[in-house]
Structures are given as structure tokens and as C-alpha cells.
Amino acid sequence: MPQPTQRHCQNRLLAALPAADFALLQPHLELASLSVGDVLIHANTPITQVAFVEQGIVSFISLAEDDQQIEAALVGCEGMVGVPVLLDADQTPNEARVQMLGLAWTMSANALKAALGQSPHLQRQLLRYAHAYCLIRECSRRNEGLPHQDAPEATSGSPLFPALRDWWCRVMGSQ
């Protein structure tokens, strides 16, 4: 199985890491195909793997009290599947389901936890992503219409969008 080179990573989280932090993750990363309908995280079960999406889209599905499925957030090449692991949680009430064919670099949740313990910088960078992810989920919950890929764009009249977009770019180290 080929190992990723940071220079060729399409995942923005992996590409933005300092080389030393990427090197902590690299030996554990395995390329996986994402097929529509694949479930990467099952609700209320231990999270054993995380995924850094290279191509494709993964939805986070919440179940309402009436068993209605609600798409709570979307992640593409800008992010990762497994944010609860960053927050020291081993499961989530949400399901992560592939909505668009693609690829992802996957690794065990335990390997990620070990790398986070070795690098405070890596932990800070991924926690910043977790914060952005939570903000985006909140906007989605409010039905503000946030786009699901790349940096958030000001598509609604809400004053939150320009500020969130600018903050996201600073976190990701892009313009």
C-alpha cells in the first residue's frame, strides 16, 4: 500500500500540517476507496478509525426522535471524519455516511490519539479544525445554507458567514 507524501495530499488538513506532524501520521495512513452509502462511523458504537477525505463527500446523519434522518454536516477534502476522537470521545450519536464517491486516508483512532499525545502542535491544529466543524454544524442546524466544501462562503445574509470564512482561512493557513 503506498504511503502518502504530504506534497500530494489533497486533504487540506494533512497538507497544512508541519512536516514533523505529518510524519507522525504518515506511517499509519492507508488509502481507502469511498463508495456511496459506505458507513465510516456507526452511531453509538466505538470509533475505531478516522478518515482524512481526499475526494468525495461524507455526511454526518443525526436521528431525530421520530427516527427521521437529518443531515447535520458534510465533510470533503477540507476535513476529517472522526472529530469526536479529537475531543477524547470514543463514540457519537451520529452516523458518518459517504454521499459522493471518493478516496480517504484512514488510520486507527488509537494511532491518531498517540500522535496527538506526541505533538501539542498537531493537537492544537486538529482541535482548531474541530472548533470550525462545530461552528459549521451549528450554522447547518440553523438552516443557514452553508456550503459543504472548501472554506465557508458568504451565501446568506448572516453576518456570521464572512467572519467564519475569514477565520476558517486563517485556521487552514490559506487565503
Protein backbone atom coordinates (compact mmCIF):
# COMPACT_ATOMS: atom_id res chain seq x y z
CA MET A 1 0.00 0.00 0.00
CA PRO A 2 1.51 3.36 -0.99
CA GLN A 3 2.30 5.88 1.72
CA PRO A 4 1.10 9.43 1.14
CA THR A 5 3.53 12.23 0.51
CA GLN A 6 2.38 15.46 2.04
CA ARG A 7 3.06 17.33 -1.18
CA HIS A 8 0.49 15.19 -3.00
CA CYS A 9 -2.21 15.18 -0.30
CA GLN A 10 -5.44 16.78 -1.44
CA ASN A 11 -6.77 16.76 2.10
CA ARG A 12 -6.29 20.30 3.37
CA LEU A 13 -5.76 19.29 6.99
CA LEU A 14 -2.92 16.93 6.10
CA ALA A 15 -1.43 19.36 3.56
CA ALA A 16 -1.38 22.24 6.08
CA LEU A 17 0.48 20.33 8.81
CA PRO A 18 4.16 21.00 9.52
CA ALA A 19 6.31 18.19 8.11
CA ALA A 20 7.14 16.84 11.58
CA ASP A 21 3.45 16.46 12.46
CA PHE A 22 2.64 14.87 9.12
CA ALA A 23 5.49 12.40 9.72
CA LEU A 24 3.77 11.24 12.93
CA LEU A 25 0.65 10.32 10.96
CA GLN A 26 2.19 9.12 7.69
CA PRO A 27 3.14 5.54 8.65
CA HIS A 28 -0.41 4.89 9.84
CA LEU A 29 -2.28 6.30 6.83
CA GLU A 30 -3.88 3.86 4.40
CA LEU A 31 -5.72 4.86 1.25
CA ALA A 32 -9.33 3.69 1.18
CA SER A 33 -11.97 3.91 -1.53
CA LEU A 34 -15.21 5.57 -0.52
CA SER A 35 -18.36 4.17 -2.14
CA VAL A 36 -21.73 5.86 -1.90
CA GLY A 37 -23.57 4.50 1.13
CA ASP A 38 -20.47 3.29 3.00
CA VAL A 39 -20.77 3.95 6.72
CA LEU A 40 -17.45 5.16 8.16
CA ILE A 41 -18.76 5.68 11.69
CA HIS A 42 -21.79 3.89 13.10
CA ALA A 43 -23.90 5.73 15.64
CA ASN A 44 -23.39 4.81 19.29
CA THR A 45 -20.55 2.37 18.62
CA PRO A 46 -16.83 2.78 19.33
CA ILE A 47 -14.97 4.83 16.74
CA THR A 48 -12.04 2.70 15.64
CA GLN A 49 -10.87 4.67 12.58
CA VAL A 50 -10.65 8.25 11.42
CA ALA A 51 -10.53 9.36 7.79
CA PHE A 52 -8.96 12.37 6.07
CA VAL A 53 -11.08 12.81 2.95
CA GLU A 54 -9.09 13.29 -0.28
CA GLN A 55 -12.02 13.22 -2.69
CA GLY A 56 -15.73 12.75 -2.15
CA ILE A 57 -18.23 13.86 0.45
CA VAL A 58 -19.20 12.30 3.77
CA SER A 59 -22.43 13.25 5.56
CA PHE A 60 -23.00 13.21 9.28
CA ILE A 61 -26.50 11.95 9.88
CA SER A 62 -28.44 12.58 13.09
CA LEU A 63 -31.58 10.70 14.05
CA ALA A 64 -34.49 12.76 15.28
CA GLU A 65 -36.85 11.44 17.96
CA ASP A 66 -39.27 10.32 15.24
CA ASP A 67 -36.43 8.33 13.55
CA GLN A 68 -36.20 10.92 10.77
CA GLN A 69 -32.66 11.19 9.41
CA ILE A 70 -31.21 14.70 9.40
CA GLU A 71 -28.02 15.63 7.58
CA ALA A 72 -26.14 17.55 10.26
CA ALA A 73 -22.90 18.32 8.41
CA LEU A 74 -20.84 17.47 5.35
CA VAL A 75 -17.10 16.96 5.03
CA GLY A 76 -14.94 16.87 1.93
CA CYS A 77 -11.25 17.37 1.26
CA GLU A 78 -11.09 20.18 3.81
CA GLY A 79 -11.61 17.93 6.78
CA MET A 80 -11.77 14.66 8.56
CA VAL A 81 -14.21 12.07 9.78
CA GLY A 82 -13.73 11.26 13.46
CA VAL A 83 -13.81 14.63 15.23
CA PRO A 84 -15.13 13.00 18.45
CA VAL A 85 -11.74 11.24 18.75
CA LEU A 86 -10.05 14.66 18.88
CA LEU A 87 -12.35 15.53 21.77
CA ASP A 88 -11.50 12.31 23.66
CA ALA A 89 -14.88 10.74 22.92
CA ASP A 90 -15.00 7.16 21.71
CA GLN A 91 -18.42 7.30 20.07
CA THR A 92 -21.06 9.64 18.71
CA PRO A 93 -24.84 9.52 18.27
CA ASN A 94 -24.31 10.42 14.59
CA GLU A 95 -23.50 8.24 11.63
CA ALA A 96 -20.87 9.18 9.03
CA ARG A 97 -22.06 8.03 5.60
CA VAL A 98 -20.41 8.51 2.19
CA GLN A 99 -22.59 10.61 -0.13
CA MET A 100 -20.18 11.03 -3.05
CA LEU A 101 -17.65 8.53 -4.38
CA GLY A 102 -14.07 9.26 -3.43
CA LEU A 103 -10.92 8.40 -1.51
CA ALA A 104 -9.68 8.96 2.03
CA TRP A 105 -6.56 8.38 4.05
CA THR A 106 -7.66 6.32 7.04
CA MET A 107 -5.87 5.45 10.24
CA SER A 108 -6.78 3.87 13.55
CA ALA A 109 -8.23 6.13 16.20
CA ASN A 110 -5.59 4.82 18.62
CA ALA A 111 -2.75 5.81 16.28
CA LEU A 112 -4.21 9.31 15.98
CA LYS A 113 -4.52 9.59 19.77
CA ALA A 114 -0.88 8.52 20.14
CA ALA A 115 0.26 11.13 17.60
CA LEU A 116 -1.77 13.83 19.36
CA GLY A 117 -0.01 12.90 22.61
CA GLN A 118 3.38 13.31 20.93
CA SER A 119 2.74 16.71 19.36
CA PRO A 120 0.96 19.57 21.13
CA HIS A 121 1.06 21.49 17.83
CA LEU A 122 -0.75 18.69 15.99
CA GLN A 123 -3.33 18.55 18.75
CA ARG A 124 -3.89 22.34 18.60
CA GLN A 125 -4.21 22.31 14.79
CA LEU A 126 -6.76 19.48 14.76
CA LEU A 127 -8.68 20.99 17.69
CA ARG A 128 -8.96 24.22 15.67
CA TYR A 129 -10.49 22.15 12.91
CA ALA A 130 -12.86 20.56 15.45
CA HIS A 131 -13.93 24.05 16.53
CA ALA A 132 -14.60 25.08 12.91
CA TYR A 133 -16.51 21.83 12.38
CA CYS A 134 -18.72 22.62 15.39
CA LEU A 135 -19.38 26.15 14.11
CA ILE A 136 -20.32 24.84 10.68
CA ARG A 137 -22.64 22.24 12.23
CA GLU A 138 -24.31 25.00 14.22
CA CYS A 139 -24.86 27.05 11.06
CA SER A 140 -26.24 23.97 9.35
CA ARG A 141 -28.55 23.32 12.29
CA ARG A 142 -29.91 26.82 11.91
CA ASN A 143 -30.58 26.10 8.21
CA GLU A 144 -28.36 28.98 7.16
CA GLY A 145 -27.32 27.17 3.99
CA LEU A 146 -23.57 26.81 4.48
CA PRO A 147 -21.83 25.19 1.53
CA HIS A 148 -20.31 21.85 2.38
CA GLN A 149 -16.90 22.01 0.69
CA ASP A 150 -13.89 24.26 0.98
CA ALA A 151 -13.96 27.39 3.08
CA PRO A 152 -17.37 28.62 4.18
CA GLU A 153 -18.65 31.25 1.78
CA ALA A 154 -20.97 34.15 2.41
CA THR A 155 -24.05 32.72 0.73
CA SER A 156 -26.57 34.07 3.17
CA GLY A 157 -27.28 37.48 4.63
CA SER A 158 -25.98 36.38 8.01
CA PRO A 159 -23.07 38.48 9.31
CA LEU A 160 -21.57 35.22 10.63
CA PHE A 161 -20.52 33.99 7.20
CA PRO A 162 -17.76 36.48 6.28
CA ALA A 163 -16.26 36.20 9.76
CA LEU A 164 -16.46 32.40 9.71
CA ARG A 165 -14.94 32.26 6.22
CA ASP A 166 -12.03 34.50 7.26
CA TRP A 167 -11.47 32.54 10.45
CA TRP A 168 -11.56 29.23 8.53
CA CYS A 169 -8.91 30.52 6.11
CA ARG A 170 -6.65 31.58 8.99
CA VAL A 171 -7.03 28.16 10.66
CA MET A 172 -6.26 26.34 7.43
CA GLY A 173 -3.41 28.68 6.51
CA SER A 174 -4.98 29.69 3.21
CA GLN A 175 -6.48 32.82 1.68
